[in-house]
Protein backbone atom coordinates (compact mmCIF):
# COMPACT_ATOMS: atom_id res chain seq x y z
CA MET A 1 10.94 -9.68 -21.96
CA LYS A 2 8.77 -7.33 -19.93
CA PHE A 3 4.98 -7.34 -19.84
CA SER A 4 2.55 -4.52 -19.16
CA VAL A 5 -1.16 -5.05 -18.43
CA VAL A 6 -3.63 -2.26 -19.17
CA ILE A 7 -6.98 -2.75 -17.42
CA ILE A 8 -9.94 -0.53 -18.27
CA SER A 9 -12.70 0.17 -15.79
CA ILE A 10 -15.73 2.23 -14.91
CA ASN A 11 -17.39 1.26 -11.63
CA GLU A 12 -15.97 -2.27 -11.51
CA GLY A 13 -15.67 -2.47 -7.73
CA ALA A 14 -17.30 -5.91 -7.71
CA LYS A 15 -14.86 -7.37 -10.25
CA ILE A 16 -11.57 -5.48 -10.16
CA GLN A 17 -10.03 -7.35 -7.22
CA ASP A 18 -10.48 -10.72 -8.96
CA CYS A 19 -8.92 -9.28 -12.10
CA ILE A 20 -5.88 -7.92 -10.26
CA SER A 21 -5.52 -11.07 -8.17
CA SER A 22 -5.47 -13.23 -11.29
CA ILE A 23 -2.45 -11.29 -12.55
CA LYS A 24 -0.61 -11.61 -9.24
CA LEU A 25 -1.42 -15.31 -8.92
CA THR A 26 0.49 -16.02 -12.13
CA GLY A 27 3.64 -15.57 -10.03
CA LYS A 28 5.15 -13.15 -12.54
CA LYS A 29 6.81 -10.55 -10.30
CA ASP A 30 7.87 -7.80 -12.68
CA VAL A 31 4.57 -7.24 -14.53
CA GLN A 32 3.58 -3.59 -14.86
CA ILE A 33 -0.14 -3.14 -14.14
CA ILE A 34 -1.99 0.03 -15.12
CA LEU A 35 -5.65 0.77 -14.46
CA SER A 36 -7.10 3.21 -16.99
CA ASP A 37 -10.22 4.41 -15.23
CA GLY A 38 -13.02 6.31 -16.92
CA GLY A 39 -14.57 7.92 -13.85
CA SER A 40 -15.36 5.29 -11.22
CA ASN A 41 -17.07 6.36 -8.01
CA ASP A 42 -17.75 2.95 -6.46
CA GLY A 43 -14.39 2.13 -4.87
CA THR A 44 -12.72 0.69 -7.98
CA ILE A 45 -9.86 3.19 -7.81
CA GLU A 46 -9.32 2.64 -4.08
CA ILE A 47 -9.11 -1.13 -4.58
CA ALA A 48 -6.51 -0.66 -7.31
CA LEU A 49 -4.45 1.74 -5.18
CA ASN A 50 -4.58 -0.67 -2.24
CA ASN A 51 -3.04 -3.25 -4.57
CA ASN A 52 -0.24 -0.83 -5.53
CA ILE A 53 -1.64 -0.48 -9.05
CA LYS A 54 -0.93 2.68 -11.02
CA VAL A 55 -4.22 4.43 -11.80
CA VAL A 56 -4.44 6.63 -14.90
CA PRO A 57 -7.55 8.81 -15.24
CA SER A 58 -9.15 8.76 -18.67
CA LEU A 59 -12.16 9.96 -20.57
CA PRO A 60 -14.73 7.13 -20.68
CA GLY A 61 -14.85 4.73 -23.61
CA ARG A 62 -13.00 1.47 -24.24
CA GLY A 63 -10.82 2.63 -27.11
CA ILE A 64 -9.93 5.91 -25.40
CA GLN A 65 -9.17 4.18 -22.10
CA PHE A 66 -6.94 1.52 -23.65
CA ASN A 67 -4.98 4.17 -25.56
CA THR A 68 -4.65 6.35 -22.46
CA GLY A 69 -3.35 3.44 -20.42
CA ALA A 70 -0.96 2.39 -23.18
CA GLU A 71 0.72 5.80 -23.04
CA SER A 72 2.20 4.81 -19.66
CA VAL A 73 3.42 1.29 -20.46
CA SER A 74 7.07 0.28 -20.38
CA GLY A 75 6.71 -3.37 -21.37
CA ASP A 76 7.70 -5.00 -24.64
CA VAL A 77 4.34 -6.81 -24.76
CA ILE A 78 0.99 -5.29 -23.70
CA LEU A 79 -2.06 -7.18 -22.43
CA PHE A 80 -5.31 -5.24 -22.92
CA LEU A 81 -7.60 -6.60 -20.24
CA HIS A 82 -11.22 -5.91 -19.27
CA ALA A 83 -11.82 -5.43 -15.56
CA ASP A 84 -14.37 -8.25 -15.44
CA THR A 85 -11.93 -10.77 -16.92
CA SER A 86 -9.32 -12.89 -15.12
CA LEU A 87 -6.10 -14.25 -16.60
CA PRO A 88 -5.16 -17.95 -16.46
CA ALA A 89 -2.39 -18.98 -14.05
CA ASP A 90 -0.04 -19.88 -16.91
CA ALA A 91 -0.63 -16.65 -18.86
CA PHE A 92 2.89 -15.22 -18.80
CA GLU A 93 4.60 -18.57 -19.16
CA LEU A 94 2.66 -19.09 -22.39
CA LEU A 95 3.24 -15.56 -23.62
CA GLU A 96 6.98 -15.75 -23.02
CA ASN A 97 7.12 -18.93 -25.11
CA TYR A 98 5.10 -17.41 -27.95
CA PHE A 99 6.70 -13.98 -28.09
CA ARG A 100 10.23 -15.39 -28.19
CA ASP A 101 9.36 -15.93 -31.85
CA GLU A 102 9.75 -12.57 -33.59
CA LYS A 103 6.99 -13.36 -36.06
CA VAL A 104 4.39 -13.41 -33.25
CA LYS A 105 2.97 -9.90 -32.99
CA ILE A 106 -0.55 -10.30 -31.64
CA GLY A 107 -2.93 -12.86 -30.24
CA THR A 108 -5.75 -13.55 -27.80
CA PHE A 109 -6.42 -16.13 -25.13
CA ARG A 110 -9.25 -18.60 -25.40
CA LEU A 111 -12.54 -17.81 -23.74
CA SER A 112 -14.51 -19.18 -20.82
CA PHE A 113 -17.21 -17.73 -18.60
CA ASP A 114 -17.76 -17.49 -14.86
CA LYS A 115 -20.85 -19.69 -15.10
CA ASN A 116 -21.31 -23.28 -16.25
CA ASN A 117 -23.79 -23.34 -19.12
CA PHE A 118 -23.97 -25.49 -22.24
CA LEU A 119 -24.68 -22.59 -24.60
CA LEU A 120 -21.90 -20.46 -23.16
CA SER A 121 -19.50 -23.40 -23.43
CA LEU A 122 -20.51 -23.84 -27.07
CA TYR A 123 -19.95 -20.17 -27.74
CA SER A 124 -16.52 -20.45 -26.11
CA LYS A 125 -15.56 -23.20 -28.55
CA PHE A 126 -16.47 -20.99 -31.53
CA ALA A 127 -14.34 -18.23 -30.01
CA THR A 128 -11.22 -20.26 -30.82
CA ILE A 129 -11.85 -19.50 -34.51
CA ASP A 130 -10.27 -16.32 -35.81
CA SER A 131 -12.99 -14.28 -37.47
CA ILE A 132 -14.75 -10.96 -37.10
CA PHE A 133 -17.67 -12.78 -35.43
CA THR A 134 -15.60 -14.76 -32.93
CA LYS A 135 -12.59 -12.71 -31.73
CA PHE A 136 -13.13 -9.86 -29.30
CA GLY A 137 -11.49 -7.86 -26.58
CA ASP A 138 -12.93 -9.92 -23.73
CA GLN A 139 -10.44 -12.63 -24.73
CA CYS A 140 -7.62 -10.24 -23.77
CA ILE A 141 -5.79 -8.87 -26.79
CA VAL A 142 -2.03 -9.22 -26.38
CA MET A 143 0.45 -7.54 -28.69
CA ARG A 144 3.96 -6.25 -29.00
CA ARG A 145 4.18 -2.58 -28.08
CA SER A 146 5.95 -1.94 -31.39
CA PHE A 147 3.04 -3.48 -33.30
CA PHE A 148 0.52 -1.49 -31.25
CA LYS A 149 2.34 1.66 -32.35
CA GLU A 150 2.44 0.42 -35.94
CA LEU A 151 -1.35 0.09 -35.84
CA ASN A 152 -1.68 3.55 -34.23
CA GLY A 153 -3.51 1.95 -31.33
CA PHE A 154 -7.25 1.60 -30.92
CA LYS A 155 -9.82 3.84 -32.51
CA SER A 156 -11.36 6.12 -29.89
CA TRP A 157 -14.67 4.26 -29.98
CA PRO A 158 -16.97 3.11 -27.15
CA ILE A 159 -17.70 -0.14 -29.03
CA PHE A 160 -16.07 -2.22 -31.81
CA GLU A 161 -12.66 -0.76 -31.03
CA ASP A 162 -11.51 -4.37 -30.58
CA VAL A 163 -13.11 -5.58 -33.83
CA ASP A 164 -11.52 -2.71 -35.75
CA LEU A 165 -8.05 -3.26 -34.32
CA LEU A 166 -8.14 -6.99 -35.00
CA ARG A 167 -9.35 -6.36 -38.57
CA ARG A 168 -6.42 -4.04 -39.20
CA ALA A 169 -4.00 -6.49 -37.58
CA ARG A 170 -5.20 -9.40 -39.76
CA LYS A 171 -4.16 -7.49 -42.86
CA LEU A 172 -0.59 -7.52 -41.61
CA THR A 173 -0.07 -10.69 -39.61
CA ARG A 174 -1.60 -13.78 -38.06
CA ILE A 175 -3.75 -13.49 -34.91
CA TYR A 176 -2.52 -16.26 -32.59
CA SER A 177 -4.76 -18.13 -30.15
CA PHE A 178 -2.93 -18.81 -26.89
CA PRO A 179 -3.97 -22.24 -25.55
CA SER A 180 -5.29 -21.19 -22.15
CA ASN A 181 -8.60 -19.64 -21.09
CA VAL A 182 -9.39 -16.29 -19.59
CA ILE A 183 -12.53 -16.24 -17.45
CA THR A 184 -14.92 -13.40 -18.20
CA SER A 185 -18.23 -12.32 -16.71
CA CYS A 186 -21.44 -13.57 -18.31
CA ARG A 187 -23.51 -10.76 -16.76
CA LYS A 188 -24.68 -9.43 -20.12
CA PHE A 189 -25.98 -12.85 -21.13
CA ASP A 190 -27.70 -13.15 -17.75
CA ASP A 191 -29.40 -9.80 -18.28
CA ALA A 192 -30.71 -10.39 -21.81
CA GLY A 193 -30.70 -14.17 -22.14
CA ILE A 194 -27.97 -16.11 -23.93
CA ILE A 195 -29.70 -16.72 -27.27
CA LYS A 196 -31.21 -13.24 -27.46
CA GLN A 197 -27.87 -11.64 -26.62
CA GLN A 198 -26.09 -13.59 -29.34
CA PHE A 199 -28.66 -12.50 -31.94
CA LEU A 200 -28.24 -8.90 -30.76
CA ASN A 201 -24.47 -9.24 -30.99
CA ALA A 202 -24.63 -10.58 -34.54
CA GLY A 203 -27.04 -7.86 -35.59
CA TYR A 204 -24.84 -5.09 -34.30
CA ILE A 205 -21.76 -6.56 -35.96
CA LEU A 206 -23.62 -6.66 -39.27
CA GLN A 207 -24.67 -3.03 -38.84
CA TYR A 208 -21.06 -2.13 -38.11
CA LEU A 209 -19.88 -3.95 -41.24
CA LEU A 210 -22.52 -2.09 -43.26
CA GLY A 211 -21.03 1.19 -42.10
CA LYS A 212 -23.14 2.36 -39.19
CA PRO A 213 -20.92 4.57 -36.96
CA PRO A 214 -19.93 2.99 -33.63
CA ALA A 215 -21.23 6.02 -31.70
CA GLU A 216 -24.69 5.44 -33.20
CA LEU A 217 -24.51 1.73 -32.45
CA PHE A 218 -23.61 2.56 -28.85
CA ARG A 219 -26.65 4.80 -28.46
CA SER A 220 -28.91 2.44 -30.37
CA TYR A 221 -27.99 -0.51 -28.20
CA TYR A 222 -28.92 1.20 -24.98
CA ASN A 223 -32.07 2.79 -26.36
CA LEU A 224 -33.15 -0.69 -27.45
CA ASN A 225 -32.62 -2.03 -23.95
CA LYS A 226 -34.14 1.06 -22.31
CA THR A 227 -31.54 1.29 -19.59
CA GLY A 228 -31.86 5.04 -19.19
CA LYS A 229 -28.20 5.24 -18.12
CA ASN A 230 -25.56 7.73 -19.15
CA ILE A 231 -22.26 6.76 -20.75
CA LEU A 232 -20.40 6.60 -17.45
CA GLU A 233 -22.84 3.97 -16.21
CA THR A 234 -23.44 2.02 -19.42
CA GLU A 235 -19.82 1.72 -20.47
CA ARG A 236 -19.15 -0.43 -17.40
CA SER A 237 -21.16 -3.31 -18.82
CA SER A 238 -20.48 -2.79 -22.51
CA ASP A 239 -17.58 -5.27 -22.43
CA GLN A 240 -20.08 -8.06 -23.04
CA TRP A 241 -21.89 -6.57 -26.02
CA ILE A 242 -20.05 -8.73 -28.47
CA GLY A 243 -19.63 -11.82 -26.40
């Protein structure tokens, strides 16, 4: 069984080395790693190249970047990983055990953050539940390449591409929870405050469920927070919008 990891990035120079190192520290030698980059100019690409990672240029946007990276994979199983997230040391050992069973098509790891905090720990516990409010891309979505093709990949959205894909997958199969934790950045919670960010997250999910287009939600979110940044800058930190 061969694994491919697709990492998406825009200006993740501060985080990308930890992400890549976490993959290498698993000890799995034959993992294909692809960085789908949406226009970094901060050294992210150079760090990846120095680690002998294949870099694929992409238009910016999480759904677009994941799909672009997936076009180059050769593995039987694909890990869709955010650049500010690190894999657990036993990631591929666990995945090999799970995906030996043909009925396992898709799953996510459990969630933890790079900061000790009671509220974040509580949120992590809820993230073990499979629901539209608790499963997101920052937990690293893992799926068979054949199932990814069956789903026609991600929607080309800058936000909620993970929610949409998992919703479509649930109609066809079970979403497994692999019993080991990824570690993801809590920078978005630090910026807005943990409780406020969670209320924002819930509000945007409800708007999505009520039919508001993801492109409008993307613009609305950043207007609300008055960042004044363009898509190339804002997309870098949008991984944490929903958790």
